[in-house]
C-alpha atoms as a PDB file:
ATOM      1  CA  TYR A   1      82.984 -26.721  81.602  1.00  0.00           C
ATOM      2  CA  LEU A   2      83.781 -22.917  82.772  1.00  0.00           C
ATOM      3  CA  PHE A   3      86.714 -23.036  79.989  1.00  0.00           C
ATOM      4  CA  LEU A   4      84.147 -24.233  77.222  1.00  0.00           C
ATOM      5  CA  ALA A   5      82.092 -22.018  77.896  1.00  0.00           C
ATOM      6  CA  ALA A   6      84.518 -19.053  77.489  1.00  0.00           C
ATOM      7  CA  LEU A   7      85.346 -20.737  74.233  1.00  0.00           C
ATOM      8  CA  VAL A   8      81.614 -20.413  73.175  1.00  0.00           C
ATOM      9  CA  PHE A   9      81.521 -16.618  74.246  1.00  0.00           C
ATOM     10  CA  ILE A  10      84.893 -15.827  72.212  1.00  0.00           C
ATOM     11  CA  ILE A  11      83.833 -17.979  68.979  1.00  0.00           C
ATOM     12  CA  LEU A  12      80.684 -15.262  69.482  1.00  0.00           C
ATOM     13  CA  GLY A  13      82.763 -12.435  69.718  1.00  0.00           C
ATOM     14  CA  LEU A  14      84.788 -13.221  66.704  1.00  0.00           C
ATOM     15  CA  ALA A  15      81.370 -13.372  64.653  1.00  0.00           C
ATOM     16  CA  ARG A  16      81.131  -9.664  65.813  1.00  0.00           C
ATOM     17  CA  PRO A  17      77.412  -9.274  66.734  1.00  0.00           C
ATOM     18  CA  GLN A  18      75.478  -6.248  66.409  1.00  0.00           C
ATOM     19  CA  MET A  19      72.214  -5.045  67.257  1.00  0.00           C
ATOM     20  CA  GLY A  20      70.321  -2.315  66.400  1.00  0.00           C
ATOM     21  CA  SER A  21      70.862   0.924  64.807  1.00  0.00           C
ATOM     22  CA  LYS A  22      71.721   4.810  65.873  1.00  0.00           C
ATOM     23  CA  LEU A  23      70.955   8.412  64.947  1.00  0.00           C
ATOM     24  CA  GLN A  24      74.525  10.121  64.608  1.00  0.00           C
ATOM     25  CA  GLU A  25      74.360  14.482  64.252  1.00  0.00           C
ATOM     26  CA  VAL A  26      77.284  15.009  61.619  1.00  0.00           C
ATOM     27  CA  ARG A  27      78.339  18.867  59.971  1.00  0.00           C
ATOM     28  CA  ARG A  28      77.858  18.731  56.139  1.00  0.00           C
ATOM     29  CA  LYS A  29      77.992  21.471  53.477  1.00  0.00           C
ATOM     30  CA  GLY A  30      75.616  21.255  50.941  1.00  0.00           C
ATOM     31  CA  ILE A  31      72.097  22.500  49.305  1.00  0.00           C
ATOM     32  CA  GLU A  32      68.627  21.192  49.087  1.00  0.00           C
ATOM     33  CA  ILE A  33      67.194  19.243  46.386  1.00  0.00           C
ATOM     34  CA  MET A  34      63.326  18.371  45.549  1.00  0.00           C
ATOM     35  CA  ILE A  35      62.900  15.870  42.824  1.00  0.00           C
ATOM     36  CA  ALA A  36      59.275  15.940  40.938  1.00  0.00           C
ATOM     37  CA  LEU A  37      59.316  12.981  39.053  1.00  0.00           C
ATOM     38  CA  ASP A  38      56.109  12.610  36.718  1.00  0.00           C
ATOM     39  CA  VAL A  39      54.100   9.419  37.376  1.00  0.00           C
ATOM     40  CA  SER A  40      51.759   9.645  35.030  1.00  0.00           C
ATOM     41  CA  ASN A  41      50.540   7.079  32.541  1.00  0.00           C
ATOM     42  CA  SER A  42      52.132   9.076  29.721  1.00  0.00           C
ATOM     43  CA  MET A  43      55.659   7.988  31.639  1.00  0.00           C
ATOM     44  CA  ASN A  44      55.418   4.628  30.425  1.00  0.00           C
ATOM     45  CA  ALA A  45      55.246   5.331  27.067  1.00  0.00           C
ATOM     46  CA  MET A  46      58.370   3.433  25.303  1.00  0.00           C
ATOM     47  CA  ASP A  47      60.164   6.194  22.750  1.00  0.00           C
ATOM     48  CA  ILE A  48      62.932   5.845  24.857  1.00  0.00           C
ATOM     49  CA  GLN A  49      63.882   2.288  26.476  1.00  0.00           C
ATOM     50  CA  PRO A  50      62.591   1.061  28.627  1.00  0.00           C
ATOM     51  CA  SER A  51      60.428   3.720  29.207  1.00  0.00           C
ATOM     52  CA  ARG A  52      60.539   7.259  30.053  1.00  0.00           C
ATOM     53  CA  LEU A  53      59.516   6.315  34.281  1.00  0.00           C
ATOM     54  CA  GLU A  54      62.438   3.772  34.163  1.00  0.00           C
ATOM     55  CA  ARG A  55      64.689   6.034  32.422  1.00  0.00           C
ATOM     56  CA  ALA A  56      63.827   8.581  34.785  1.00  0.00           C
ATOM     57  CA  LYS A  57      64.571   6.445  37.544  1.00  0.00           C
ATOM     58  CA  GLN A  58      67.986   5.247  36.103  1.00  0.00           C
ATOM     59  CA  VAL A  59      68.786   8.908  36.202  1.00  0.00           C
ATOM     60  CA  LEU A  60      67.690   9.536  39.864  1.00  0.00           C
ATOM     61  CA  SER A  61      69.352   6.571  41.375  1.00  0.00           C
ATOM     62  CA  LYS A  62      72.652   7.793  39.557  1.00  0.00           C
ATOM     63  CA  LEU A  63      72.316  11.323  40.480  1.00  0.00           C
ATOM     64  CA  ILE A  64      72.166  10.266  44.657  1.00  0.00           C
ATOM     65  CA  ASP A  65      75.289   8.225  44.154  1.00  0.00           C
ATOM     66  CA  ARG A  66      77.088  11.078  42.850  1.00  0.00           C
ATOM     67  CA  LEU A  67      75.831  13.330  45.772  1.00  0.00           C
ATOM     68  CA  GLU A  68      77.830  13.801  48.928  1.00  0.00           C
ATOM     69  CA  ASP A  69      76.871  16.158  51.340  1.00  0.00           C
ATOM     70  CA  ASP A  70      73.224  17.705  49.911  1.00  0.00           C
ATOM     71  CA  LYS A  71      70.441  17.352  51.353  1.00  0.00           C
ATOM     72  CA  ILE A  72      67.425  15.495  48.737  1.00  0.00           C
ATOM     73  CA  GLY A  73      63.829  14.808  48.902  1.00  0.00           C
ATOM     74  CA  LEU A  74      60.955  13.425  46.474  1.00  0.00           C
ATOM     75  CA  VAL A  75      57.900  14.232  45.278  1.00  0.00           C
ATOM     76  CA  VAL A  76      55.550  12.274  42.891  1.00  0.00           C
ATOM     77  CA  PHE A  77      53.086  13.772  40.464  1.00  0.00           C
ATOM     78  CA  ALA A  78      50.296  13.228  37.935  1.00  0.00           C
ATOM     79  CA  GLY A  79      46.991  15.026  38.862  1.00  0.00           C
ATOM     80  CA  GLU A  80      47.926  15.255  42.315  1.00  0.00           C
ATOM     81  CA  ALA A  81      51.259  15.575  44.188  1.00  0.00           C
ATOM     82  CA  TYR A  82      52.366  13.547  47.302  1.00  0.00           C
ATOM     83  CA  ILE A  83      55.717  14.095  49.302  1.00  0.00           C
ATOM     84  CA  GLN A  84      57.206  10.305  48.529  1.00  0.00           C
ATOM     85  CA  VAL A  85      60.541  11.246  50.591  1.00  0.00           C
ATOM     86  CA  PRO A  86      60.694  14.536  52.994  1.00  0.00           C
ATOM     87  CA  ILE A  87      63.641  16.666  52.641  1.00  0.00           C
ATOM     88  CA  THR A  88      66.956  14.307  54.310  1.00  0.00           C
ATOM     89  CA  ALA A  89      70.556  13.440  53.980  1.00  0.00           C
ATOM     90  CA  ASP A  90      70.077   9.730  54.226  1.00  0.00           C
ATOM     91  CA  TYR A  91      70.378   8.776  50.840  1.00  0.00           C
ATOM     92  CA  VAL A  92      69.916   4.900  51.463  1.00  0.00           C
ATOM     93  CA  SER A  93      66.370   5.379  52.259  1.00  0.00           C
ATOM     94  CA  ALA A  94      65.894   7.806  49.019  1.00  0.00           C
ATOM     95  CA  LYS A  95      67.256   4.692  46.471  1.00  0.00           C
ATOM     96  CA  MET A  96      64.854   2.490  48.346  1.00  0.00           C
ATOM     97  CA  PHE A  97      61.679   4.444  47.566  1.00  0.00           C
ATOM     98  CA  ILE A  98      62.516   5.002  44.054  1.00  0.00           C
ATOM     99  CA  SER A  99      62.943   1.648  42.848  1.00  0.00           C
ATOM    100  CA  HIS A 100      59.329   0.957  44.365  1.00  0.00           C
ATOM    101  CA  ILE A 101      57.499   3.903  42.106  1.00  0.00           C
ATOM    102  CA  ASN A 102      54.914   3.205  39.462  1.00  0.00           C
ATOM    103  CA  THR A 103      52.049   4.888  37.186  1.00  0.00           C
ATOM    104  CA  ASN A 104      49.992   3.651  39.899  1.00  0.00           C
ATOM    105  CA  ILE A 105      51.140   5.143  42.712  1.00  0.00           C
ATOM    106  CA  VAL A 106      49.162   8.687  42.437  1.00  0.00           C
ATOM    107  CA  PRO A 107      45.291   7.494  41.751  1.00  0.00           C
ATOM    108  CA  VAL A 108      44.537  10.842  40.049  1.00  0.00           C
ATOM    109  CA  GLN A 109      45.725  10.992  36.485  1.00  0.00           C
ATOM    110  CA  GLY A 110      46.611  14.041  34.621  1.00  0.00           C
ATOM    111  CA  THR A 111      50.121  15.967  34.692  1.00  0.00           C
ATOM    112  CA  ALA A 112      49.777  18.749  37.270  1.00  0.00           C
ATOM    113  CA  ILE A 113      53.248  20.562  37.215  1.00  0.00           C
ATOM    114  CA  ASN A 114      52.184  23.384  39.138  1.00  0.00           C
ATOM    115  CA  LYS A 115      50.755  21.116  42.023  1.00  0.00           C
ATOM    116  CA  ALA A 116      54.189  19.273  41.951  1.00  0.00           C
ATOM    117  CA  LEU A 117      55.899  22.705  42.127  1.00  0.00           C
ATOM    118  CA  GLU A 118      54.001  23.860  44.954  1.00  0.00           C
ATOM    119  CA  MET A 119      54.460  20.693  47.003  1.00  0.00           C
ATOM    120  CA  ALA A 120      57.976  21.002  46.313  1.00  0.00           C
ATOM    121  CA  SER A 121      58.563  23.888  47.695  1.00  0.00           C
ATOM    122  CA  ALA A 122      56.650  23.475  50.864  1.00  0.00           C
ATOM    123  CA  SER A 123      58.442  20.650  51.712  1.00  0.00           C
ATOM    124  CA  PHE A 124      62.202  22.349  51.852  1.00  0.00           C
ATOM    125  CA  SER A 125      63.286  23.140  55.307  1.00  0.00           C
ATOM    126  CA  PRO A 126      63.535  26.716  56.769  1.00  0.00           C
ATOM    127  CA  SER A 127      67.125  26.674  56.681  1.00  0.00           C
ATOM    128  CA  ASP A 128      68.883  29.098  54.799  1.00  0.00           C
ATOM    129  CA  LEU A 129      70.392  26.632  52.201  1.00  0.00           C
ATOM    130  CA  GLN A 130      70.031  27.387  48.561  1.00  0.00           C
ATOM    131  CA  LYS A 131      66.772  25.782  47.183  1.00  0.00           C
ATOM    132  CA  VAL A 132      66.957  23.404  44.168  1.00  0.00           C
ATOM    133  CA  ILE A 133      64.289  21.885  42.447  1.00  0.00           C
ATOM    134  CA  ILE A 134      64.752  19.040  39.732  1.00  0.00           C
ATOM    135  CA  VAL A 135      61.367  18.562  37.529  1.00  0.00           C
ATOM    136  CA  ILE A 136      61.635  15.254  35.419  1.00  0.00           C
ATOM    137  CA  THR A 137      58.910  14.936  33.088  1.00  0.00           C
ATOM    138  CA  ASP A 138      57.457  14.607  29.589  1.00  0.00           C
ATOM    139  CA  GLY A 139      56.202  18.415  30.105  1.00  0.00           C
ATOM    140  CA  GLU A 140      52.854  17.454  28.880  1.00  0.00           C
ATOM    141  CA  ASP A 141      50.715  19.652  30.966  1.00  0.00           C
ATOM    142  CA  HIS A 142      46.879  20.604  30.413  1.00  0.00           C
ATOM    143  CA  GLU A 143      46.256  22.214  33.882  1.00  0.00           C
ATOM    144  CA  GLY A 144      48.146  24.873  34.428  1.00  0.00           C
ATOM    145  CA  ASP A 145      50.981  27.861  33.805  1.00  0.00           C
ATOM    146  CA  PRO A 146      53.943  26.172  35.054  1.00  0.00           C
ATOM    147  CA  VAL A 147      56.233  28.637  33.489  1.00  0.00           C
ATOM    148  CA  ALA A 148      54.669  31.461  35.337  1.00  0.00           C
ATOM    149  CA  PHE A 149      54.573  29.678  38.870  1.00  0.00           C
ATOM    150  CA  ALA A 150      58.254  28.565  38.246  1.00  0.00           C
ATOM    151  CA  GLN A 151      59.234  32.228  37.455  1.00  0.00           C
ATOM    152  CA  LYS A 152      57.388  32.980  40.678  1.00  0.00           C
ATOM    153  CA  LEU A 153      59.129  30.489  43.007  1.00  0.00           C
ATOM    154  CA  HIS A 154      62.455  31.805  41.915  1.00  0.00           C
ATOM    155  CA  GLU A 155      61.439  35.697  42.517  1.00  0.00           C
ATOM    156  CA  GLU A 156      60.029  35.583  45.499  1.00  0.00           C
ATOM    157  CA  LYS A 157      61.735  32.556  47.201  1.00  0.00           C
ATOM    158  CA  GLY A 158      64.794  32.280  45.401  1.00  0.00           C
ATOM    159  CA  ILE A 159      64.112  28.286  44.143  1.00  0.00           C
ATOM    160  CA  LEU A 160      66.560  27.224  41.160  1.00  0.00           C
ATOM    161  CA  ILE A 161      64.294  24.691  38.697  1.00  0.00           C
ATOM    162  CA  TYR A 162      66.076  22.254  36.474  1.00  0.00           C
ATOM    163  CA  THR A 163      64.138  20.709  34.106  1.00  0.00           C
ATOM    164  CA  ILE A 164      64.422  16.905  32.290  1.00  0.00           C
ATOM    165  CA  GLY A 165      62.882  16.121  29.801  1.00  0.00           C
ATOM    166  CA  MET A 166      61.875  12.400  29.401  1.00  0.00           C
ATOM    167  CA  GLY A 167      60.901  11.553  25.803  1.00  0.00           C
ATOM    168  CA  THR A 168      61.007  12.320  22.119  1.00  0.00           C
ATOM    169  CA  PRO A 169      59.537  15.503  20.322  1.00  0.00           C
ATOM    170  CA  GLU A 170      58.041  12.728  17.684  1.00  0.00           C
ATOM    171  CA  GLY A 171      56.272  11.147  20.627  1.00  0.00           C
ATOM    172  CA  SER A 172      55.088   7.249  21.356  1.00  0.00           C
ATOM    173  CA  PRO A 173      51.851   5.769  22.034  1.00  0.00           C
ATOM    174  CA  ILE A 174      50.988   5.152  25.862  1.00  0.00           C
ATOM    175  CA  PRO A 175      50.407   1.344  26.881  1.00  0.00           C
ATOM    176  CA  VAL A 176      47.378   0.580  28.714  1.00  0.00           C
ATOM    177  CA  ASN A 177      48.379  -3.394  29.423  1.00  0.00           C
ATOM    178  CA  PRO A 178      51.517  -4.070  30.390  1.00  0.00           C
ATOM    179  CA  LEU A 179      50.977  -7.644  29.591  1.00  0.00           C
ATOM    180  CA  ASN A 180      49.518  -6.460  25.908  1.00  0.00           C
ATOM    181  CA  PRO A 181      52.711  -4.208  24.331  1.00  0.00           C
ATOM    182  CA  TYR A 182      50.190  -3.306  21.640  1.00  0.00           C
ATOM    183  CA  ASP A 183      47.171  -2.105  23.547  1.00  0.00           C
ATOM    184  CA  PHE A 184      47.679   1.448  23.519  1.00  0.00           C
ATOM    185  CA  LYS A 185      45.521   4.075  25.006  1.00  0.00           C
ATOM    186  CA  LYS A 186      42.942   5.818  22.963  1.00  0.00           C
ATOM    187  CA  ASP A 187      41.014   9.019  22.697  1.00  0.00           C
ATOM    188  CA  ARG A 188      36.924   8.915  22.273  1.00  0.00           C
ATOM    189  CA  GLU A 189      37.002   8.420  18.629  1.00  0.00           C
ATOM    190  CA  GLY A 190      39.164   5.517  18.694  1.00  0.00           C
ATOM    191  CA  ASN A 191      42.307   6.962  17.605  1.00  0.00           C
ATOM    192  CA  THR A 192      45.778   5.964  19.118  1.00  0.00           C
ATOM    193  CA  ILE A 193      47.155   8.832  21.438  1.00  0.00           C
ATOM    194  CA  ILE A 194      50.639  10.209  21.148  1.00  0.00           C
ATOM    195  CA  SER A 195      52.226  11.180  23.909  1.00  0.00           C
ATOM    196  CA  LYS A 196      54.948  13.928  22.455  1.00  0.00           C
ATOM    197  CA  LEU A 197      57.785  15.414  24.638  1.00  0.00           C
ATOM    198  CA  ASP A 198      56.724  19.142  25.460  1.00  0.00           C
ATOM    199  CA  GLU A 199      60.572  20.676  25.390  1.00  0.00           C
ATOM    200  CA  ALA A 200      59.638  24.085  25.068  1.00  0.00           C
ATOM    201  CA  THR A 201      57.464  24.421  27.931  1.00  0.00           C
ATOM    202  CA  LEU A 202      60.469  22.902  30.029  1.00  0.00           C
ATOM    203  CA  ILE A 203      63.058  24.725  28.334  1.00  0.00           C
ATOM    204  CA  LYS A 204      61.074  28.272  29.689  1.00  0.00           C
ATOM    205  CA  MET A 205      60.684  26.708  33.032  1.00  0.00           C
ATOM    206  CA  ALA A 206      64.049  26.458  33.976  1.00  0.00           C
ATOM    207  CA  ALA A 207      65.109  29.957  31.620  1.00  0.00           C
ATOM    208  CA  VAL A 208      63.018  31.605  34.032  1.00  0.00           C
ATOM    209  CA  ALA A 209      63.943  30.035  37.651  1.00  0.00           C
ATOM    210  CA  GLY A 210      67.416  30.312  36.918  1.00  0.00           C
ATOM    211  CA  GLY A 211      68.186  26.958  35.973  1.00  0.00           C
ATOM    212  CA  GLU A 212      68.503  24.948  33.041  1.00  0.00           C
ATOM    213  CA  TYR A 213      66.587  22.204  30.629  1.00  0.00           C
ATOM    214  CA  ILE A 214      68.353  18.824  30.508  1.00  0.00           C
ATOM    215  CA  PRO A 215      67.556  16.179  27.985  1.00  0.00           C
ATOM    216  CA  GLY A 216      67.033  12.936  29.533  1.00  0.00           C
ATOM    217  CA  ASN A 217      67.261  10.587  26.417  1.00  0.00           C
ATOM    218  CA  ASN A 218      71.267  10.159  27.267  1.00  0.00           C
ATOM    219  CA  ALA A 219      71.023   9.807  30.444  1.00  0.00           C
ATOM    220  CA  GLN A 220      75.124   9.516  31.287  1.00  0.00           C
ATOM    221  CA  ALA A 221      75.158  12.886  28.766  1.00  0.00           C
ATOM    222  CA  GLY A 222      72.506  14.505  31.135  1.00  0.00           C
ATOM    223  CA  LEU A 223      73.381  13.859  34.242  1.00  0.00           C
ATOM    224  CA  ASN A 224      77.018  14.712  33.792  1.00  0.00           C
ATOM    225  CA  LYS A 225      75.751  18.330  32.798  1.00  0.00           C
ATOM    226  CA  LEU A 226      73.275  18.315  35.461  1.00  0.00           C
ATOM    227  CA  PHE A 227      75.631  17.550  38.297  1.00  0.00           C
ATOM    228  CA  ASP A 228      77.829  19.839  36.737  1.00  0.00           C
ATOM    229  CA  LYS A 229      75.899  22.570  37.505  1.00  0.00           C
ATOM    230  CA  LEU A 230      74.405  21.666  40.704  1.00  0.00           C
ATOM    231  CA  LYS A 231      77.974  21.603  41.901  1.00  0.00           C
ATOM    232  CA  LYS A 232      78.365  25.645  40.905  1.00  0.00           C
ATOM    233  CA  ILE A 233      76.028  26.437  43.553  1.00  0.00           C
ATOM    234  CA  ASP A 234      77.310  27.755  46.631  1.00  0.00           C
ATOM    235  CA  ARG A 235      76.912  25.482  49.753  1.00  0.00           C
ATOM    236  CA  LYS A 236      76.210  26.395  53.332  1.00  0.00           C
ATOM    237  CA  GLU A 237      76.863  24.220  56.564  1.00  0.00           C
ATOM    238  CA  TYR A 238      74.232  22.646  58.254  1.00  0.00           C
ATOM    239  CA  GLU A 239      73.729  19.490  61.025  1.00  0.00           C
ATOM    240  CA  ALA A 240      72.307  16.519  59.537  1.00  0.00           C
ATOM    241  CA  LYS A 241      70.705  13.386  61.345  1.00  0.00           C
ATOM    242  CA  VAL A 242      72.157  10.000  59.779  1.00  0.00           C
ATOM    243  CA  TYR A 243      71.849   6.563  60.827  1.00  0.00           C
ATOM    244  CA  ALA A 244      75.329   5.008  61.626  1.00  0.00           C
ATOM    245  CA  ASP A 245      76.177   1.665  61.458  1.00  0.00           C
ATOM    246  CA  TYR A 246      74.839  -1.002  64.201  1.00  0.00           C
ATOM    247  CA  ASN A 247      76.095  -0.839  67.205  1.00  0.00           C
ATOM    248  CA  ASP A 248      78.877  -3.876  67.893  1.00  0.00           C
ATOM    249  CA  GLN A 249      78.295  -6.219  70.439  1.00  0.00           C
ATOM    250  CA  PHE A 250      81.041  -8.468  70.316  1.00  0.00           C
ATOM    251  CA  MET A 251      83.003  -6.691  73.707  1.00  0.00           C
ATOM    252  CA  TYR A 252      80.610  -8.086  75.758  1.00  0.00           C
ATOM    253  CA  PHE A 253      80.779 -11.620  74.253  1.00  0.00           C
ATOM    254  CA  PHE A 254      84.622 -10.967  75.339  1.00  0.00           C
ATOM    255  CA  ALA A 255      84.322  -9.912  78.442  1.00  0.00           C
ATOM    256  CA  MET A 256      82.124 -12.576  79.396  1.00  0.00           C
ATOM    257  CA  ALA A 257      84.691 -15.090  78.198  1.00  0.00           C
ATOM    258  CA  LEU A 258      87.583 -13.529  80.385  1.00  0.00           C
ATOM    259  CA  LEU A 259      85.505 -13.449  83.358  1.00  0.00           C
ATOM    260  CA  LEU A 260      84.341 -17.244  83.035  1.00  0.00           C
ATOM    261  CA  LEU A 261      88.457 -17.982  82.334  1.00  0.00           C
ATOM    262  CA  ILE A 262      89.326 -15.895  85.756  1.00  0.00           C
ATOM    263  CA  ILE A 263      87.200 -18.091  87.666  1.00  0.00           C
ATOM    264  CA  GLU A 264      88.105 -21.043  86.234  1.00  0.00           C
ATOM    265  CA  LEU A 265      91.792 -20.291  87.118  1.00  0.00           C
ATOM    266  CA  ILE A 266      90.572 -19.433  90.226  1.00  0.00           C
ATOM    267  CA  ILE A 267      89.283 -22.884  90.706  1.00  0.00           C
ATOM    268  CA  ILE A 268      92.030 -25.076  89.354  1.00  0.00           C
ATOM    269  CA  GLU A 269      94.400 -23.069  91.696  1.00  0.00           C
ATOM    270  CA  ARG A 270      92.157 -23.520  94.863  1.00  0.00           C
ATOM    271  CA  LYS A 271      91.666 -27.347  93.693  1.00  0.00           C
ATOM    272  CA  SER A 272      95.716 -27.667  93.497  1.00  0.00           C
ATOM    273  CA  GLN A 273      96.523 -26.054  96.865  1.00  0.00           C
ATOM    274  CA  ARG A 274      93.455 -28.577  98.609  1.00  0.00           C
ATOM    275  CA  TRP A 275      95.590 -31.715  96.831  1.00  0.00           C
ATOM    276  CA  ALA A 276      98.945 -30.443  97.472  1.00  0.00           C
ATOM    277  CA  ASN A 277      99.081 -31.578 101.271  1.00  0.00           C
ATOM    278  CA  PHE A 278      97.675 -34.825  99.945  1.00  0.00           C
ATOM    279  CA  LYS A 279     100.619 -37.724  99.367  1.00  0.00           C
ATOM    280  CA  LEU A 280      99.310 -40.868  98.617  1.00  0.00           C
ATOM    281  CA  PHE A 281     102.559 -42.840  98.155  1.00  0.00           C
ATOM    282  CA  GLU A 282     104.438 -41.615 101.353  1.00  0.00           C
ATOM    283  CA  PHE A 283     104.223 -43.181 104.314  1.00  0.00           C
ATOM    284  CA  THR A 284     105.635 -42.422 107.977  1.00  0.00           C
ATOM    285  CA  LEU A 285     107.631 -45.286 109.740  1.00  0.00           C
END
């Protein structure tokens, strides 16, 4: 029985059981990047396929895949801005949140780029790492002066702002019902609203804030250009806490198996000594 129990523990140990996870401190060298992602209804427009928002999510996911030691965070905005992912070095969690983003995540509609910039700038850590904001939007802002606000952030806080334009200058209708592709948003007169990419505003924002405007229609080319720009930014060393792999537990199973085998050997040895003096076929004349 002891031998069979030891065998079971060996098999369990070979299965390499794991439990829980642990935070591990590592030293990295990078910058802090806050993404401000437009989730207003106009981002459902399909002048770029599958839609402006879905293309933006694809760009974000690929960007994170290419990052190595930089911190990243995410702000979503429409009429209001909300932190979706606080500044972190945990890329896995960031990608998980990005995959679930849709235009219903912000209840107040509109496109308030100023609020997004303000929320993003307030979400950076107090470290001396270079701060970068990447705004991904179609640029249609009717609630402020994002160019002046971007310039203020750059001059007062040294924040670099890059903009990625989603959509086309010709524009596209805004779908209202995902189940009906021909049901578009209309104005008070019943005319179909055409949402157009405002490249001029995005170009000016990036120009006054030390960044650059990048068209998002060609995802791969735009991503390469953005990544090349980010690589040229000076990076500084910092400490980060990241989730490490699950803790291995196999050694405990092997230890228990060894203990059982030792006990089994001791019992066999004692049993052999006890029967050594008993001679069934030896007779004394």
